[in-house]
Amino acid sequence: MAHALAPVDPDLHTPGRAGLTITIPDHVLARMDFDPAGGVALLLHILDAAKVADSGCPAPALHVVPHLSPQERVVLVHYASGLTLAAAARRAGVQPATAKKYLDRVKEKYAACGRVSYTKLDLAARAREDGVLKTP
């Protein structure tokens, strides 16, 4: 299910035009409930993208960046850099089972943002897209 949002920004509505309606999927709204500050930033990004779309120019790709705990981020960086799960766990100072739980949570958070990550390569791509992992 998705909800429609009518913009209140006067720049988005020109007299004589039908206006613009933005549809926000439920998983994005759930993200906004989980992280209000991130939700506000997301809405501002959506409105900016809508302005670009309304102008006829190509809009930048919109993706939601999940909030990762410091431990999840450390394990993700080591694992996505090519280390095995056991080696990433050692570097993070946790047991392999704990590192696996962190990575499972990271995958769940990306899936909740509509950015499913099933494999190590998927996680590496998401980490690079979000700036968590430096591009070589």
N, C-alpha and C. Protein backbone atom coordinates (compact mmCIF):
# COMPACT_ATOMS: atom_id res chain seq x y z
N MET A 1 0.84 -1.18 0.00
CA MET A 1 0.00 0.00 0.00
C MET A 1 0.89 1.24 0.00
N ALA A 2 0.42 2.29 -0.63
CA ALA A 2 1.17 3.54 -0.69
C ALA A 2 0.22 4.69 -0.38
N HIS A 3 0.77 5.79 0.04
CA HIS A 3 -0.01 6.97 0.38
C HIS A 3 0.38 8.11 -0.54
N ALA A 4 -0.60 8.88 -0.95
CA ALA A 4 -0.31 10.03 -1.82
C ALA A 4 -0.09 11.26 -0.96
N LEU A 5 0.82 12.07 -1.37
CA LEU A 5 1.18 13.28 -0.65
C LEU A 5 1.10 14.44 -1.63
N ALA A 6 0.29 15.40 -1.32
CA ALA A 6 0.20 16.58 -2.19
C ALA A 6 1.18 17.61 -1.68
N PRO A 7 2.05 18.12 -2.53
CA PRO A 7 3.06 19.07 -2.06
C PRO A 7 2.44 20.40 -1.65
N VAL A 8 3.05 21.01 -0.64
CA VAL A 8 2.60 22.32 -0.18
C VAL A 8 3.56 23.41 -0.65
N ASP A 9 4.63 23.01 -1.28
CA ASP A 9 5.62 23.96 -1.77
C ASP A 9 5.04 24.70 -2.98
N PRO A 10 4.91 26.03 -2.92
CA PRO A 10 4.31 26.76 -4.04
C PRO A 10 5.12 26.64 -5.33
N ASP A 11 6.42 26.33 -5.23
CA ASP A 11 7.23 26.16 -6.44
C ASP A 11 6.82 24.93 -7.23
N LEU A 12 6.14 24.00 -6.57
CA LEU A 12 5.75 22.76 -7.24
C LEU A 12 4.40 22.88 -7.94
N HIS A 13 3.69 23.97 -7.73
CA HIS A 13 2.37 24.10 -8.36
C HIS A 13 2.33 25.43 -9.12
N THR A 14 2.12 25.32 -10.40
CA THR A 14 2.04 26.49 -11.26
C THR A 14 0.57 26.69 -11.62
N PRO A 15 0.04 27.91 -11.53
CA PRO A 15 -1.35 28.12 -11.91
C PRO A 15 -1.63 27.60 -13.32
N GLY A 16 -2.78 26.97 -13.46
CA GLY A 16 -3.16 26.44 -14.75
C GLY A 16 -2.70 25.01 -14.97
N ARG A 17 -1.93 24.45 -14.04
CA ARG A 17 -1.48 23.07 -14.16
C ARG A 17 -2.15 22.24 -13.09
N ALA A 18 -2.23 20.96 -13.31
CA ALA A 18 -2.93 20.07 -12.39
C ALA A 18 -2.19 19.89 -11.08
N GLY A 19 -0.94 20.22 -11.03
CA GLY A 19 -0.17 20.03 -9.80
C GLY A 19 0.57 18.72 -9.84
N LEU A 20 1.12 18.33 -8.72
CA LEU A 20 1.97 17.15 -8.64
C LEU A 20 1.60 16.38 -7.39
N THR A 21 1.45 15.10 -7.52
CA THR A 21 1.18 14.24 -6.38
C THR A 21 2.32 13.26 -6.24
N ILE A 22 2.81 13.11 -5.04
CA ILE A 22 3.92 12.20 -4.77
C ILE A 22 3.36 11.01 -4.01
N THR A 23 3.67 9.81 -4.48
CA THR A 23 3.23 8.60 -3.79
C THR A 23 4.39 8.06 -2.98
N ILE A 24 4.14 7.82 -1.69
CA ILE A 24 5.18 7.32 -0.80
C ILE A 24 4.80 5.91 -0.35
N PRO A 25 5.63 4.92 -0.67
CA PRO A 25 5.34 3.54 -0.27
C PRO A 25 5.34 3.37 1.24
N ASP A 26 4.60 2.36 1.71
CA ASP A 26 4.51 2.10 3.15
C ASP A 26 5.87 1.86 3.79
N HIS A 27 6.78 1.15 3.08
CA HIS A 27 8.08 0.86 3.71
C HIS A 27 8.86 2.16 3.96
N VAL A 28 8.63 3.18 3.16
CA VAL A 28 9.29 4.47 3.40
C VAL A 28 8.64 5.17 4.59
N LEU A 29 7.31 5.09 4.68
CA LEU A 29 6.63 5.69 5.83
C LEU A 29 7.05 5.00 7.13
N ALA A 30 7.22 3.67 7.07
CA ALA A 30 7.67 2.94 8.26
C ALA A 30 9.06 3.42 8.66
N ARG A 31 9.91 3.69 7.69
CA ARG A 31 11.25 4.21 7.95
C ARG A 31 11.16 5.57 8.64
N MET A 32 10.19 6.38 8.22
CA MET A 32 10.03 7.70 8.80
C MET A 32 9.59 7.60 10.25
N ASP A 33 8.75 6.60 10.59
CA ASP A 33 8.34 6.40 11.97
C ASP A 33 9.53 5.96 12.82
N PHE A 34 10.41 5.14 12.22
CA PHE A 34 11.57 4.60 12.93
C PHE A 34 12.63 5.68 13.16
N ASP A 35 12.80 6.57 12.18
CA ASP A 35 13.85 7.58 12.24
C ASP A 35 13.29 8.92 11.74
N PRO A 36 12.62 9.70 12.62
CA PRO A 36 11.98 10.94 12.18
C PRO A 36 12.92 11.91 11.48
N ALA A 37 14.15 12.07 11.97
CA ALA A 37 15.08 13.00 11.33
C ALA A 37 15.41 12.53 9.92
N GLY A 38 15.62 11.23 9.78
CA GLY A 38 15.87 10.67 8.45
C GLY A 38 14.65 10.81 7.56
N GLY A 39 13.45 10.72 8.15
CA GLY A 39 12.22 10.88 7.39
C GLY A 39 12.07 12.28 6.83
N VAL A 40 12.42 13.27 7.64
CA VAL A 40 12.35 14.67 7.17
C VAL A 40 13.35 14.87 6.03
N ALA A 41 14.56 14.36 6.19
CA ALA A 41 15.57 14.49 5.13
C ALA A 41 15.09 13.79 3.87
N LEU A 42 14.45 12.63 4.03
CA LEU A 42 13.93 11.90 2.88
C LEU A 42 12.84 12.70 2.17
N LEU A 43 11.93 13.30 2.94
CA LEU A 43 10.87 14.10 2.31
C LEU A 43 11.45 15.29 1.56
N LEU A 44 12.45 15.93 2.12
CA LEU A 44 13.09 17.05 1.42
C LEU A 44 13.74 16.57 0.13
N HIS A 45 14.36 15.39 0.18
CA HIS A 45 14.98 14.83 -1.02
C HIS A 45 13.90 14.51 -2.07
N ILE A 46 12.77 13.97 -1.62
CA ILE A 46 11.67 13.65 -2.54
C ILE A 46 11.14 14.93 -3.19
N LEU A 47 10.96 15.98 -2.39
CA LEU A 47 10.48 17.24 -2.95
C LEU A 47 11.47 17.83 -3.95
N ASP A 48 12.76 17.72 -3.65
CA ASP A 48 13.77 18.19 -4.61
C ASP A 48 13.70 17.39 -5.90
N ALA A 49 13.55 16.06 -5.77
CA ALA A 49 13.44 15.21 -6.96
C ALA A 49 12.18 15.56 -7.74
N ALA A 50 11.09 15.88 -7.02
CA ALA A 50 9.84 16.24 -7.70
C ALA A 50 10.00 17.54 -8.47
N LYS A 51 10.72 18.49 -7.89
CA LYS A 51 10.97 19.75 -8.60
C LYS A 51 11.74 19.49 -9.89
N VAL A 52 12.75 18.63 -9.80
CA VAL A 52 13.55 18.30 -10.98
C VAL A 52 12.66 17.61 -12.02
N ALA A 53 11.85 16.65 -11.56
CA ALA A 53 10.97 15.91 -12.48
C ALA A 53 9.97 16.85 -13.13
N ASP A 54 9.44 17.79 -12.36
CA ASP A 54 8.46 18.74 -12.89
C ASP A 54 9.11 19.67 -13.91
N SER A 55 10.42 19.87 -13.80
CA SER A 55 11.11 20.77 -14.73
C SER A 55 11.45 20.08 -16.05
N GLY A 56 11.29 18.75 -16.09
CA GLY A 56 11.59 18.02 -17.31
C GLY A 56 13.01 17.48 -17.36
N CYS A 57 13.84 17.81 -16.38
CA CYS A 57 15.21 17.30 -16.34
C CYS A 57 15.22 15.91 -15.72
N PRO A 58 16.20 15.09 -16.04
CA PRO A 58 16.26 13.76 -15.41
C PRO A 58 16.50 13.89 -13.91
N ALA A 59 15.75 13.12 -13.15
CA ALA A 59 15.87 13.17 -11.69
C ALA A 59 16.97 12.23 -11.21
N PRO A 60 17.66 12.60 -10.13
CA PRO A 60 18.66 11.69 -9.58
C PRO A 60 17.97 10.49 -8.95
N ALA A 61 18.69 9.38 -8.90
CA ALA A 61 18.13 8.17 -8.29
C ALA A 61 17.91 8.42 -6.80
N LEU A 62 16.80 7.94 -6.27
CA LEU A 62 16.45 8.13 -4.87
C LEU A 62 16.61 6.80 -4.15
N HIS A 63 17.42 6.77 -3.14
CA HIS A 63 17.48 5.57 -2.32
C HIS A 63 17.56 5.99 -0.86
N VAL A 64 17.04 5.13 -0.03
CA VAL A 64 17.01 5.38 1.40
C VAL A 64 18.22 4.70 2.02
N VAL A 65 18.92 5.41 2.85
CA VAL A 65 20.08 4.86 3.54
C VAL A 65 19.64 4.41 4.93
N PRO A 66 19.76 3.12 5.24
CA PRO A 66 19.33 2.66 6.55
C PRO A 66 20.29 3.13 7.65
N HIS A 67 19.75 3.28 8.84
CA HIS A 67 20.59 3.64 9.99
C HIS A 67 21.21 2.35 10.52
N LEU A 68 22.53 2.29 10.51
CA LEU A 68 23.25 1.12 11.00
C LEU A 68 23.91 1.47 12.33
N SER A 69 23.89 0.52 13.25
CA SER A 69 24.60 0.73 14.52
C SER A 69 26.09 0.72 14.24
N PRO A 70 26.90 1.27 15.16
CA PRO A 70 28.35 1.25 14.94
C PRO A 70 28.90 -0.16 14.75
N GLN A 71 28.37 -1.14 15.52
CA GLN A 71 28.84 -2.52 15.39
C GLN A 71 28.46 -3.10 14.03
N GLU A 72 27.23 -2.83 13.58
CA GLU A 72 26.80 -3.33 12.27
C GLU A 72 27.67 -2.73 11.17
N ARG A 73 27.97 -1.46 11.30
CA ARG A 73 28.78 -0.77 10.29
C ARG A 73 30.19 -1.36 10.22
N VAL A 74 30.82 -1.60 11.37
CA VAL A 74 32.17 -2.15 11.40
C VAL A 74 32.21 -3.53 10.75
N VAL A 75 31.28 -4.40 11.12
CA VAL A 75 31.25 -5.74 10.54
C VAL A 75 30.96 -5.66 9.04
N LEU A 76 30.03 -4.79 8.64
CA LEU A 76 29.72 -4.63 7.22
C LEU A 76 30.95 -4.19 6.44
N VAL A 77 31.69 -3.22 6.93
CA VAL A 77 32.87 -2.72 6.22
C VAL A 77 33.89 -3.85 6.03
N HIS A 78 34.18 -4.59 7.09
CA HIS A 78 35.17 -5.67 6.97
C HIS A 78 34.68 -6.78 6.04
N TYR A 79 33.43 -7.17 6.21
CA TYR A 79 32.86 -8.25 5.40
C TYR A 79 32.76 -7.83 3.93
N ALA A 80 32.26 -6.64 3.69
CA ALA A 80 32.10 -6.16 2.32
C ALA A 80 33.44 -5.86 1.65
N SER A 81 34.48 -5.70 2.45
CA SER A 81 35.82 -5.48 1.90
C SER A 81 36.45 -6.77 1.39
N GLY A 82 35.79 -7.89 1.64
CA GLY A 82 36.28 -9.16 1.12
C GLY A 82 36.70 -10.17 2.18
N LEU A 83 36.67 -9.77 3.45
CA LEU A 83 37.03 -10.72 4.50
C LEU A 83 35.94 -11.77 4.67
N THR A 84 36.33 -12.93 5.18
CA THR A 84 35.33 -13.95 5.52
C THR A 84 34.55 -13.47 6.74
N LEU A 85 33.46 -14.14 7.02
CA LEU A 85 32.67 -13.80 8.20
C LEU A 85 33.52 -13.92 9.46
N ALA A 86 34.30 -15.00 9.57
CA ALA A 86 35.13 -15.22 10.76
C ALA A 86 36.19 -14.12 10.90
N ALA A 87 36.81 -13.75 9.78
CA ALA A 87 37.84 -12.70 9.83
C ALA A 87 37.22 -11.35 10.16
N ALA A 88 36.05 -11.05 9.60
CA ALA A 88 35.37 -9.79 9.90
C ALA A 88 34.99 -9.75 11.38
N ALA A 89 34.57 -10.88 11.92
CA ALA A 89 34.22 -10.95 13.34
C ALA A 89 35.45 -10.69 14.21
N ARG A 90 36.57 -11.33 13.85
CA ARG A 90 37.81 -11.11 14.62
C ARG A 90 38.19 -9.64 14.61
N ARG A 91 38.15 -9.01 13.44
CA ARG A 91 38.53 -7.58 13.33
C ARG A 91 37.59 -6.70 14.16
N ALA A 92 36.32 -7.09 14.23
CA ALA A 92 35.35 -6.29 14.98
C ALA A 92 35.37 -6.63 16.47
N GLY A 93 36.07 -7.71 16.83
CA GLY A 93 36.18 -8.10 18.24
C GLY A 93 34.93 -8.80 18.77
N VAL A 94 34.23 -9.51 17.87
CA VAL A 94 33.03 -10.24 18.29
C VAL A 94 33.11 -11.68 17.78
N GLN A 95 32.22 -12.51 18.28
CA GLN A 95 32.14 -13.90 17.83
C GLN A 95 31.53 -13.95 16.43
N PRO A 96 31.87 -14.97 15.64
CA PRO A 96 31.27 -15.09 14.30
C PRO A 96 29.74 -15.13 14.31
N ALA A 97 29.15 -15.77 15.31
CA ALA A 97 27.68 -15.81 15.39
C ALA A 97 27.11 -14.41 15.59
N THR A 98 27.80 -13.59 16.37
CA THR A 98 27.36 -12.21 16.60
C THR A 98 27.51 -11.40 15.32
N ALA A 99 28.62 -11.59 14.61
CA ALA A 99 28.82 -10.88 13.34
C ALA A 99 27.74 -11.28 12.34
N LYS A 100 27.37 -12.56 12.32
CA LYS A 100 26.31 -13.01 11.42
C LYS A 100 24.99 -12.33 11.77
N LYS A 101 24.69 -12.20 13.07
CA LYS A 101 23.48 -11.50 13.48
C LYS A 101 23.50 -10.04 13.01
N TYR A 102 24.66 -9.39 13.14
CA TYR A 102 24.78 -8.01 12.67
C TYR A 102 24.51 -7.91 11.18
N LEU A 103 25.11 -8.82 10.41
CA LEU A 103 24.90 -8.80 8.95
C LEU A 103 23.46 -9.11 8.58
N ASP A 104 22.84 -10.02 9.33
CA ASP A 104 21.41 -10.32 9.09
C ASP A 104 20.57 -9.07 9.34
N ARG A 105 20.90 -8.33 10.41
CA ARG A 105 20.17 -7.09 10.70
C ARG A 105 20.40 -6.05 9.61
N VAL A 106 21.64 -5.97 9.12
CA VAL A 106 21.96 -5.02 8.03
C VAL A 106 21.12 -5.37 6.80
N LYS A 107 21.04 -6.66 6.46
CA LYS A 107 20.25 -7.10 5.31
C LYS A 107 18.77 -6.75 5.52
N GLU A 108 18.26 -6.96 6.74
CA GLU A 108 16.86 -6.62 7.03
C GLU A 108 16.62 -5.12 6.87
N LYS A 109 17.56 -4.32 7.33
CA LYS A 109 17.41 -2.86 7.24
C LYS A 109 17.43 -2.40 5.79
N TYR A 110 18.31 -2.97 4.99
CA TYR A 110 18.32 -2.62 3.57
C TYR A 110 17.03 -3.08 2.89
N ALA A 111 16.55 -4.27 3.23
CA ALA A 111 15.30 -4.76 2.64
C ALA A 111 14.14 -3.85 3.02
N ALA A 112 14.12 -3.36 4.26
CA ALA A 112 13.05 -2.46 4.70
C ALA A 112 13.07 -1.14 3.93
N CYS A 113 14.23 -0.78 3.40
CA CYS A 113 14.37 0.44 2.60
C CYS A 113 14.13 0.17 1.12
N GLY A 114 13.77 -1.08 0.79
CA GLY A 114 13.54 -1.42 -0.61
C GLY A 114 14.82 -1.69 -1.38
N ARG A 115 15.89 -1.96 -0.69
CA ARG A 115 17.20 -2.21 -1.33
C ARG A 115 17.71 -3.57 -0.88
N VAL A 116 17.07 -4.62 -1.38
CA VAL A 116 17.36 -5.98 -0.95
C VAL A 116 18.82 -6.32 -1.24
N SER A 117 19.45 -6.99 -0.28
CA SER A 117 20.86 -7.40 -0.39
C SER A 117 20.97 -8.84 0.10
N TYR A 118 21.08 -9.76 -0.84
CA TYR A 118 21.14 -11.18 -0.48
C TYR A 118 22.56 -11.69 -0.30
N THR A 119 23.50 -11.16 -1.06
CA THR A 119 24.84 -11.73 -1.09
C THR A 119 25.88 -10.74 -0.57
N LYS A 120 27.10 -11.24 -0.43
CA LYS A 120 28.22 -10.39 -0.03
C LYS A 120 28.45 -9.29 -1.07
N LEU A 121 28.30 -9.64 -2.35
CA LEU A 121 28.47 -8.64 -3.41
C LEU A 121 27.39 -7.57 -3.32
N ASP A 122 26.16 -7.98 -3.00
CA ASP A 122 25.07 -7.00 -2.82
C ASP A 122 25.40 -6.06 -1.67
N LEU A 123 25.87 -6.62 -0.56
CA LEU A 123 26.20 -5.78 0.60
C LEU A 123 27.35 -4.82 0.27
N ALA A 124 28.33 -5.31 -0.48
CA ALA A 124 29.45 -4.44 -0.87
C ALA A 124 28.95 -3.30 -1.75
N ALA A 125 28.04 -3.61 -2.67
CA ALA A 125 27.49 -2.56 -3.54
C ALA A 125 26.72 -1.53 -2.72
N ARG A 126 25.89 -1.98 -1.77
CA ARG A 126 25.12 -1.04 -0.94
C ARG A 126 26.06 -0.19 -0.10
N ALA A 127 27.09 -0.81 0.47
CA ALA A 127 28.05 -0.07 1.30
C ALA A 127 28.76 1.00 0.48
N ARG A 128 29.11 0.68 -0.77
CA ARG A 128 29.75 1.69 -1.64
C ARG A 128 28.77 2.80 -2.00
N GLU A 129 27.53 2.42 -2.34
CA GLU A 129 26.52 3.42 -2.70
C GLU A 129 26.28 4.41 -1.57
N ASP A 130 26.33 3.92 -0.33
CA ASP A 130 26.03 4.76 0.82
C ASP A 130 27.26 5.43 1.42
N GLY A 131 28.43 5.18 0.84
CA GLY A 131 29.63 5.82 1.34
C GLY A 131 30.23 5.16 2.57
N VAL A 132 29.70 3.99 2.94
CA VAL A 132 30.22 3.27 4.11
C VAL A 132 31.54 2.61 3.73
N LEU A 133 31.66 2.18 2.49
CA LEU A 133 32.85 1.52 1.99
C LEU A 133 33.44 2.37 0.87
N LYS A 134 34.71 2.67 0.96
CA LYS A 134 35.36 3.48 -0.05
C LYS A 134 35.44 2.72 -1.38
N THR A 135 35.22 3.42 -2.47
CA THR A 135 35.33 2.82 -3.80
C THR A 135 36.81 2.74 -4.15
N PRO A 136 37.27 1.55 -4.64
CA PRO A 136 38.70 1.41 -4.95
C PRO A 136 39.13 2.31 -6.09
